[in-house]
PDB file of N, CA and C in Angstrom:
ATOM      1  N   MET A   1     -14.012 -36.730 -14.072  1.00  0.00           N
ATOM      2  CA  MET A   1     -13.001 -35.961 -14.788  1.00  0.00           C
ATOM      3  C   MET A   1     -13.047 -34.490 -14.395  1.00  0.00           C
ATOM      4  N   LYS A   2     -14.285 -33.930 -14.326  1.00  0.00           N
ATOM      5  CA  LYS A   2     -14.417 -32.525 -13.982  1.00  0.00           C
ATOM      6  C   LYS A   2     -13.943 -32.259 -12.555  1.00  0.00           C
ATOM      7  N   LYS A   3     -14.228 -33.216 -11.644  1.00  0.00           N
ATOM      8  CA  LYS A   3     -13.785 -33.052 -10.258  1.00  0.00           C
ATOM      9  C   LYS A   3     -12.268 -33.074 -10.167  1.00  0.00           C
ATOM     10  N   SER A   4     -11.636 -33.930 -10.949  1.00  0.00           N
ATOM     11  CA  SER A   4     -10.177 -34.019 -10.945  1.00  0.00           C
ATOM     12  C   SER A   4      -9.558 -32.716 -11.430  1.00  0.00           C
ATOM     13  N   LEU A   5     -10.090 -32.166 -12.512  1.00  0.00           N
ATOM     14  CA  LEU A   5      -9.571 -30.904 -13.034  1.00  0.00           C
ATOM     15  C   LEU A   5      -9.791 -29.765 -12.052  1.00  0.00           C
ATOM     16  N   LEU A   6     -10.937 -29.758 -11.409  1.00  0.00           N
ATOM     17  CA  LEU A   6     -11.229 -28.731 -10.422  1.00  0.00           C
ATOM     18  C   LEU A   6     -10.268 -28.845  -9.239  1.00  0.00           C
ATOM     19  N   THR A   7     -10.037 -30.049  -8.766  1.00  0.00           N
ATOM     20  CA  THR A   7      -9.119 -30.277  -7.650  1.00  0.00           C
ATOM     21  C   THR A   7      -7.704 -29.843  -8.016  1.00  0.00           C
ATOM     22  N   ILE A   8      -7.264 -30.196  -9.200  1.00  0.00           N
ATOM     23  CA  ILE A   8      -5.930 -29.795  -9.659  1.00  0.00           C
ATOM     24  C   ILE A   8      -5.846 -28.283  -9.785  1.00  0.00           C
ATOM     25  N   GLY A   9      -6.875 -27.669 -10.325  1.00  0.00           N
ATOM     26  CA  GLY A   9      -6.889 -26.209 -10.462  1.00  0.00           C
ATOM     27  C   GLY A   9      -6.836 -25.505  -9.120  1.00  0.00           C
ATOM     28  N   VAL A  10      -7.615 -25.974  -8.156  1.00  0.00           N
ATOM     29  CA  VAL A  10      -7.614 -25.371  -6.816  1.00  0.00           C
ATOM     30  C   VAL A  10      -6.254 -25.565  -6.159  1.00  0.00           C
ATOM     31  N   ALA A  11      -5.694 -26.756  -6.256  1.00  0.00           N
ATOM     32  CA  ALA A  11      -4.384 -27.038  -5.662  1.00  0.00           C
ATOM     33  C   ALA A  11      -3.299 -26.165  -6.287  1.00  0.00           C
ATOM     34  N   THR A  12      -3.336 -26.018  -7.598  1.00  0.00           N
ATOM     35  CA  THR A  12      -2.353 -25.180  -8.293  1.00  0.00           C
ATOM     36  C   THR A  12      -2.480 -23.718  -7.860  1.00  0.00           C
ATOM     37  N   THR A  13      -3.706 -23.232  -7.764  1.00  0.00           N
ATOM     38  CA  THR A  13      -3.934 -21.853  -7.344  1.00  0.00           C
ATOM     39  C   THR A  13      -3.431 -21.625  -5.924  1.00  0.00           C
ATOM     40  N   LEU A  14      -3.716 -22.563  -5.029  1.00  0.00           N
ATOM     41  CA  LEU A  14      -3.247 -22.432  -3.646  1.00  0.00           C
ATOM     42  C   LEU A  14      -1.723 -22.456  -3.561  1.00  0.00           C
ATOM     43  N   MET A  15      -1.092 -23.324  -4.323  1.00  0.00           N
ATOM     44  CA  MET A  15       0.380 -23.380  -4.330  1.00  0.00           C
ATOM     45  C   MET A  15       0.967 -22.089  -4.877  1.00  0.00           C
ATOM     46  N   PHE A  16       0.362 -21.547  -5.922  1.00  0.00           N
ATOM     47  CA  PHE A  16       0.833 -20.290  -6.506  1.00  0.00           C
ATOM     48  C   PHE A  16       0.689 -19.144  -5.503  1.00  0.00           C
ATOM     49  N   ALA A  17      -0.461 -19.040  -4.852  1.00  0.00           N
ATOM     50  CA  ALA A  17      -0.687 -17.979  -3.872  1.00  0.00           C
ATOM     51  C   ALA A  17       0.272 -18.124  -2.695  1.00  0.00           C
ATOM     52  N   TRP A  18       0.492 -19.343  -2.241  1.00  0.00           N
ATOM     53  CA  TRP A  18       1.409 -19.574  -1.132  1.00  0.00           C
ATOM     54  C   TRP A  18       2.828 -19.168  -1.513  1.00  0.00           C
ATOM     55  N   SER A  19       3.261 -19.506  -2.734  1.00  0.00           N
ATOM     56  CA  SER A  19       4.626 -19.179  -3.147  1.00  0.00           C
ATOM     57  C   SER A  19       4.829 -17.677  -3.264  1.00  0.00           C
ATOM     58  N   ILE A  20       3.820 -16.944  -3.710  1.00  0.00           N
ATOM     59  CA  ILE A  20       3.929 -15.479  -3.774  1.00  0.00           C
ATOM     60  C   ILE A  20       4.087 -14.917  -2.362  1.00  0.00           C
ATOM     61  N   GLY A  21       3.260 -15.378  -1.441  1.00  0.00           N
ATOM     62  CA  GLY A  21       3.369 -14.925  -0.060  1.00  0.00           C
ATOM     63  C   GLY A  21       4.699 -15.280   0.553  1.00  0.00           C
ATOM     64  N   ARG A  22       5.213 -16.451   0.235  1.00  0.00           N
ATOM     65  CA  ARG A  22       6.501 -16.898   0.769  1.00  0.00           C
ATOM     66  C   ARG A  22       7.630 -16.003   0.262  1.00  0.00           C
ATOM     67  N   VAL A  23       7.632 -15.689  -1.014  1.00  0.00           N
ATOM     68  CA  VAL A  23       8.673 -14.837  -1.596  1.00  0.00           C
ATOM     69  C   VAL A  23       8.598 -13.436  -0.991  1.00  0.00           C
ATOM     70  N   GLN A  24       7.397 -12.892  -0.863  1.00  0.00           N
ATOM     71  CA  GLN A  24       7.258 -11.565  -0.272  1.00  0.00           C
ATOM     72  C   GLN A  24       7.703 -11.578   1.182  1.00  0.00           C
ATOM     73  N   GLY A  25       7.452 -12.654   1.890  1.00  0.00           N
ATOM     74  CA  GLY A  25       7.857 -12.758   3.286  1.00  0.00           C
ATOM     75  C   GLY A  25       9.353 -12.882   3.455  1.00  0.00           C
ATOM     76  N   GLN A  26      10.067 -13.337   2.420  1.00  0.00           N
ATOM     77  CA  GLN A  26      11.505 -13.500   2.500  1.00  0.00           C
ATOM     78  C   GLN A  26      12.272 -12.249   2.090  1.00  0.00           C
ATOM     79  N   GLN A  27      11.574 -11.237   1.629  1.00  0.00           N
ATOM     80  CA  GLN A  27      12.256 -10.005   1.249  1.00  0.00           C
ATOM     81  C   GLN A  27      12.865  -9.373   2.486  1.00  0.00           C
ATOM     82  N   ASP A  28      13.728  -8.413   2.301  1.00  0.00           N
ATOM     83  CA  ASP A  28      14.508  -7.775   3.367  1.00  0.00           C
ATOM     84  C   ASP A  28      13.677  -7.544   4.631  1.00  0.00           C
ATOM     85  N   GLN A  29      13.917  -8.366   5.637  1.00  0.00           N
ATOM     86  CA  GLN A  29      13.171  -8.302   6.890  1.00  0.00           C
ATOM     87  C   GLN A  29      13.549  -7.083   7.724  1.00  0.00           C
ATOM     88  N   SER A  30      14.743  -6.509   7.520  1.00  0.00           N
ATOM     89  CA  SER A  30      15.169  -5.374   8.333  1.00  0.00           C
ATOM     90  C   SER A  30      14.317  -4.138   8.079  1.00  0.00           C
ATOM     91  N   LYS A  31      13.703  -4.052   6.916  1.00  0.00           N
ATOM     92  CA  LYS A  31      12.859  -2.905   6.608  1.00  0.00           C
ATOM     93  C   LYS A  31      11.437  -3.090   7.133  1.00  0.00           C
ATOM     94  N   GLY A  32      11.118  -4.255   7.657  1.00  0.00           N
ATOM     95  CA  GLY A  32       9.767  -4.551   8.082  1.00  0.00           C
ATOM     96  C   GLY A  32       9.459  -4.147   9.518  1.00  0.00           C
ATOM     97  N   LYS A  33      10.248  -3.265  10.091  1.00  0.00           N
ATOM     98  CA  LYS A  33      10.016  -2.859  11.470  1.00  0.00           C
ATOM     99  C   LYS A  33       8.839  -1.909  11.566  1.00  0.00           C
ATOM    100  N   VAL A  34       8.153  -1.985  12.667  1.00  0.00           N
ATOM    101  CA  VAL A  34       7.005  -1.125  12.908  1.00  0.00           C
ATOM    102  C   VAL A  34       7.486   0.300  13.165  1.00  0.00           C
ATOM    103  N   VAL A  35       6.794   1.274  12.579  1.00  0.00           N
ATOM    104  CA  VAL A  35       7.132   2.681  12.768  1.00  0.00           C
ATOM    105  C   VAL A  35       5.973   3.344  13.494  1.00  0.00           C
ATOM    106  N   PHE A  36       6.261   3.924  14.655  1.00  0.00           N
ATOM    107  CA  PHE A  36       5.246   4.651  15.403  1.00  0.00           C
ATOM    108  C   PHE A  36       5.489   6.138  15.202  1.00  0.00           C
ATOM    109  N   VAL A  37       4.498   6.845  14.704  1.00  0.00           N
ATOM    110  CA  VAL A  37       4.629   8.270  14.426  1.00  0.00           C
ATOM    111  C   VAL A  37       3.358   8.974  14.877  1.00  0.00           C
ATOM    112  N   SER A  38       3.525  10.131  15.473  1.00  0.00           N
ATOM    113  CA  SER A  38       2.381  10.934  15.883  1.00  0.00           C
ATOM    114  C   SER A  38       2.117  12.008  14.831  1.00  0.00           C
ATOM    115  N   ALA A  39       0.886  12.114  14.390  1.00  0.00           N
ATOM    116  CA  ALA A  39       0.539  13.130  13.394  1.00  0.00           C
ATOM    117  C   ALA A  39       0.715  14.535  13.967  1.00  0.00           C
ATOM    118  N   ASP A  40       0.652  14.653  15.304  1.00  0.00           N
ATOM    119  CA  ASP A  40       0.841  15.965  15.932  1.00  0.00           C
ATOM    120  C   ASP A  40       2.250  16.509  15.722  1.00  0.00           C
ATOM    121  N   GLN A  41       3.221  15.626  15.561  1.00  0.00           N
ATOM    122  CA  GLN A  41       4.618  16.045  15.419  1.00  0.00           C
ATOM    123  C   GLN A  41       5.100  15.999  13.977  1.00  0.00           C
ATOM    124  N   ALA A  42       4.211  15.699  13.045  1.00  0.00           N
ATOM    125  CA  ALA A  42       4.590  15.581  11.632  1.00  0.00           C
ATOM    126  C   ALA A  42       4.762  16.959  10.996  1.00  0.00           C
ATOM    127  N   ASN A  43       5.638  17.024   9.997  1.00  0.00           N
ATOM    128  CA  ASN A  43       5.885  18.249   9.221  1.00  0.00           C
ATOM    129  C   ASN A  43       5.016  18.227   7.973  1.00  0.00           C
ATOM    130  N   PHE A  44       3.864  18.860   8.021  1.00  0.00           N
ATOM    131  CA  PHE A  44       2.960  18.872   6.876  1.00  0.00           C
ATOM    132  C   PHE A  44       3.356  19.982   5.905  1.00  0.00           C
ATOM    133  N   HIS A  45       3.267  19.691   4.621  1.00  0.00           N
ATOM    134  CA  HIS A  45       3.460  20.720   3.591  1.00  0.00           C
ATOM    135  C   HIS A  45       2.346  20.570   2.557  1.00  0.00           C
ATOM    136  N   GLU A  46       1.880  21.676   2.058  1.00  0.00           N
ATOM    137  CA  GLU A  46       0.763  21.663   1.116  1.00  0.00           C
ATOM    138  C   GLU A  46       1.236  21.164  -0.245  1.00  0.00           C
ATOM    139  N   THR A  47       0.573  20.134  -0.760  1.00  0.00           N
ATOM    140  CA  THR A  47       0.942  19.573  -2.059  1.00  0.00           C
ATOM    141  C   THR A  47       0.119  20.210  -3.176  1.00  0.00           C
ATOM    142  N   ILE A  48      -1.177  20.322  -2.968  1.00  0.00           N
ATOM    143  CA  ILE A  48      -2.060  21.069  -3.854  1.00  0.00           C
ATOM    144  C   ILE A  48      -3.025  21.841  -2.959  1.00  0.00           C
ATOM    145  N   ALA A  49      -3.750  22.755  -3.508  1.00  0.00           N
ATOM    146  CA  ALA A  49      -4.651  23.577  -2.704  1.00  0.00           C
ATOM    147  C   ALA A  49      -5.623  22.711  -1.909  1.00  0.00           C
ATOM    148  N   GLY A  50      -5.570  22.835  -0.598  1.00  0.00           N
ATOM    149  CA  GLY A  50      -6.480  22.106   0.273  1.00  0.00           C
ATOM    150  C   GLY A  50      -5.986  20.750   0.738  1.00  0.00           C
ATOM    151  N   VAL A  51      -4.816  20.317   0.276  1.00  0.00           N
ATOM    152  CA  VAL A  51      -4.271  19.014   0.653  1.00  0.00           C
ATOM    153  C   VAL A  51      -2.853  19.191   1.185  1.00  0.00           C
ATOM    154  N   SER A  52      -2.611  18.698   2.400  1.00  0.00           N
ATOM    155  CA  SER A  52      -1.282  18.732   3.000  1.00  0.00           C
ATOM    156  C   SER A  52      -0.837  17.310   3.305  1.00  0.00           C
ATOM    157  N   MET A  53       0.461  17.042   3.116  1.00  0.00           N
ATOM    158  CA  MET A  53       0.998  15.705   3.369  1.00  0.00           C
ATOM    159  C   MET A  53       2.255  15.799   4.216  1.00  0.00           C
ATOM    160  N   ALA A  54       2.487  14.747   5.018  1.00  0.00           N
ATOM    161  CA  ALA A  54       3.705  14.631   5.816  1.00  0.00           C
ATOM    162  C   ALA A  54       4.234  13.213   5.644  1.00  0.00           C
ATOM    163  N   ALA A  55       5.500  13.088   5.274  1.00  0.00           N
ATOM    164  CA  ALA A  55       6.103  11.765   5.055  1.00  0.00           C
ATOM    165  C   ALA A  55       6.348  11.067   6.384  1.00  0.00           C
ATOM    166  N   ILE A  56       6.018   9.786   6.430  1.00  0.00           N
ATOM    167  CA  ILE A  56       6.344   8.949   7.585  1.00  0.00           C
ATOM    168  C   ILE A  56       7.637   8.207   7.269  1.00  0.00           C
ATOM    169  N   TRP A  57       7.686   7.582   6.082  1.00  0.00           N
ATOM    170  CA  TRP A  57       8.905   6.962   5.585  1.00  0.00           C
ATOM    171  C   TRP A  57       8.839   6.934   4.065  1.00  0.00           C
ATOM    172  N   GLY A  58       9.997   6.826   3.422  1.00  0.00           N
ATOM    173  CA  GLY A  58      10.062   6.766   1.966  1.00  0.00           C
ATOM    174  C   GLY A  58       9.886   8.132   1.321  1.00  0.00           C
ATOM    175  N   ASP A  59       9.811   8.121   0.006  1.00  0.00           N
ATOM    176  CA  ASP A  59       9.673   9.342  -0.783  1.00  0.00           C
ATOM    177  C   ASP A  59       8.526   9.149  -1.774  1.00  0.00           C
ATOM    178  N   ALA A  60       7.470   9.931  -1.623  1.00  0.00           N
ATOM    179  CA  ALA A  60       6.277   9.792  -2.466  1.00  0.00           C
ATOM    180  C   ALA A  60       6.586  10.024  -3.943  1.00  0.00           C
ATOM    181  N   ASP A  61       7.638  10.774  -4.248  1.00  0.00           N
ATOM    182  CA  ASP A  61       7.990  11.046  -5.642  1.00  0.00           C
ATOM    183  C   ASP A  61       8.820   9.929  -6.267  1.00  0.00           C
ATOM    184  N   LYS A  62       9.393   9.050  -5.437  1.00  0.00           N
ATOM    185  CA  LYS A  62      10.316   8.047  -5.963  1.00  0.00           C
ATOM    186  C   LYS A  62       9.837   6.608  -5.829  1.00  0.00           C
ATOM    187  N   GLY A  63       8.800   6.358  -5.025  1.00  0.00           N
ATOM    188  CA  GLY A  63       8.354   4.971  -4.893  1.00  0.00           C
ATOM    189  C   GLY A  63       7.615   4.720  -3.597  1.00  0.00           C
ATOM    190  N   ALA A  64       7.896   3.567  -3.002  1.00  0.00           N
ATOM    191  CA  ALA A  64       7.189   3.142  -1.796  1.00  0.00           C
ATOM    192  C   ALA A  64       7.333   4.179  -0.689  1.00  0.00           C
ATOM    193  N   HIS A  65       6.220   4.440  -0.008  1.00  0.00           N
ATOM    194  CA  HIS A  65       6.230   5.448   1.050  1.00  0.00           C
ATOM    195  C   HIS A  65       4.970   5.325   1.903  1.00  0.00           C
ATOM    196  N   ALA A  66       4.979   6.025   3.006  1.00  0.00           N
ATOM    197  CA  ALA A  66       3.781   6.159   3.834  1.00  0.00           C
ATOM    198  C   ALA A  66       3.674   7.630   4.220  1.00  0.00           C
ATOM    199  N   THR A  67       2.479   8.163   4.179  1.00  0.00           N
ATOM    200  CA  THR A  67       2.284   9.573   4.498  1.00  0.00           C
ATOM    201  C   THR A  67       1.017   9.775   5.311  1.00  0.00           C
ATOM    202  N   PHE A  68       1.014  10.862   6.075  1.00  0.00           N
ATOM    203  CA  PHE A  68      -0.218  11.372   6.652  1.00  0.00           C
ATOM    204  C   PHE A  68      -0.757  12.375   5.645  1.00  0.00           C
ATOM    205  N   THR A  69      -2.053  12.416   5.471  1.00  0.00           N
ATOM    206  CA  THR A  69      -2.663  13.375   4.553  1.00  0.00           C
ATOM    207  C   THR A  69      -3.782  14.101   5.275  1.00  0.00           C
ATOM    208  N   LYS A  70      -3.769  15.425   5.181  1.00  0.00           N
ATOM    209  CA  LYS A  70      -4.836  16.248   5.760  1.00  0.00           C
ATOM    210  C   LYS A  70      -5.550  16.983   4.639  1.00  0.00           C
ATOM    211  N   PHE A  71      -6.855  17.125   4.796  1.00  0.00           N
ATOM    212  CA  PHE A  71      -7.654  17.841   3.823  1.00  0.00           C
ATOM    213  C   PHE A  71      -8.307  19.033   4.513  1.00  0.00           C
ATOM    214  N   ALA A  72      -8.370  20.158   3.813  1.00  0.00           N
ATOM    215  CA  ALA A  72      -9.028  21.345   4.343  1.00  0.00           C
ATOM    216  C   ALA A  72     -10.519  21.044   4.516  1.00  0.00           C
ATOM    217  N   PRO A  73     -11.160  21.635   5.511  1.00  0.00           N
ATOM    218  CA  PRO A  73     -12.596  21.409   5.701  1.00  0.00           C
ATOM    219  C   PRO A  73     -13.366  21.717   4.409  1.00  0.00           C
ATOM    220  N   GLY A  74     -14.243  20.805   4.030  1.00  0.00           N
ATOM    221  CA  GLY A  74     -15.051  20.992   2.836  1.00  0.00           C
ATOM    222  C   GLY A  74     -14.354  20.606   1.542  1.00  0.00           C
ATOM    223  N   TYR A  75     -13.101  20.125   1.617  1.00  0.00           N
ATOM    224  CA  TYR A  75     -12.372  19.754   0.406  1.00  0.00           C
ATOM    225  C   TYR A  75     -13.105  18.632  -0.316  1.00  0.00           C
ATOM    226  N   ASP A  76     -13.236  18.750  -1.632  1.00  0.00           N
ATOM    227  CA  ASP A  76     -13.908  17.738  -2.443  1.00  0.00           C
ATOM    228  C   ASP A  76     -12.976  17.315  -3.565  1.00  0.00           C
ATOM    229  N   ALA A  77     -12.518  16.068  -3.517  1.00  0.00           N
ATOM    230  CA  ALA A  77     -11.620  15.555  -4.550  1.00  0.00           C
ATOM    231  C   ALA A  77     -12.380  15.119  -5.791  1.00  0.00           C
ATOM    232  N   GLY A  78     -13.689  15.118  -5.719  1.00  0.00           N
ATOM    233  CA  GLY A  78     -14.478  14.691  -6.876  1.00  0.00           C
ATOM    234  C   GLY A  78     -14.358  13.184  -7.108  1.00  0.00           C
ATOM    235  N   MET A  79     -15.082  12.692  -8.064  1.00  0.00           N
ATOM    236  CA  MET A  79     -15.039  11.280  -8.393  1.00  0.00           C
ATOM    237  C   MET A  79     -13.689  10.960  -9.033  1.00  0.00           C
ATOM    238  N   HIS A  80     -12.962   9.988  -8.482  1.00  0.00           N
ATOM    239  CA  HIS A  80     -11.658   9.633  -9.034  1.00  0.00           C
ATOM    240  C   HIS A  80     -11.273   8.233  -8.598  1.00  0.00           C
ATOM    241  N   THR A  81     -10.217   7.698  -9.202  1.00  0.00           N
ATOM    242  CA  THR A  81      -9.656   6.414  -8.810  1.00  0.00           C
ATOM    243  C   THR A  81      -8.161   6.590  -8.561  1.00  0.00           C
ATOM    244  N   ILE A  82      -7.602   5.659  -7.839  1.00  0.00           N
ATOM    245  CA  ILE A  82      -6.167   5.665  -7.584  1.00  0.00           C
ATOM    246  C   ILE A  82      -5.645   4.296  -8.026  1.00  0.00           C
ATOM    247  N   PRO A  83      -5.291   4.142  -9.292  1.00  0.00           N
ATOM    248  CA  PRO A  83      -4.993   2.820  -9.846  1.00  0.00           C
ATOM    249  C   PRO A  83      -3.765   2.125  -9.253  1.00  0.00           C
ATOM    250  N   MET A  84      -2.764   2.857  -8.811  1.00  0.00           N
ATOM    251  CA  MET A  84      -1.539   2.220  -8.327  1.00  0.00           C
ATOM    252  C   MET A  84      -1.516   2.106  -6.799  1.00  0.00           C
ATOM    253  N   ALA A  85      -2.568   2.460  -6.124  1.00  0.00           N
ATOM    254  CA  ALA A  85      -2.555   2.497  -4.663  1.00  0.00           C
ATOM    255  C   ALA A  85      -2.416   1.125  -4.027  1.00  0.00           C
ATOM    256  N   PHE A  86      -2.870   0.078  -4.669  1.00  0.00           N
ATOM    257  CA  PHE A  86      -2.879  -1.215  -4.041  1.00  0.00           C
ATOM    258  C   PHE A  86      -2.054  -2.236  -4.796  1.00  0.00           C
ATOM    259  N   GLY A  87      -0.916  -1.809  -5.284  1.00  0.00           N
ATOM    260  CA  GLY A  87       0.008  -2.728  -5.961  1.00  0.00           C
ATOM    261  C   GLY A  87      -0.197  -2.762  -7.461  1.00  0.00           C
ATOM    262  N   SER A  88       0.783  -3.302  -8.096  1.00  0.00           N
ATOM    263  CA  SER A  88       0.698  -3.430  -9.545  1.00  0.00           C
ATOM    264  C   SER A  88       1.447  -4.647 -10.007  1.00  0.00           C
TER     265      SER A  88
END
């Protein structure tokens, strides 16, 4: 009985994970193009003292985006977390 429940649980989990990946893979494919950008040609602007950012795509204030980030030598961000950095 325990083996049957375990097998069903594993199968259900795998099907659920596969369906999430499938749905994400079917989202707008035109936006999935590779972007090649050189940090040497980026327009950096200082966001806070010691931190400069340059947008690659998207808008950091409005949602999904990619940026280059530079830190001044010796910059210390201290102990912190970034809760929304890896999805929500």
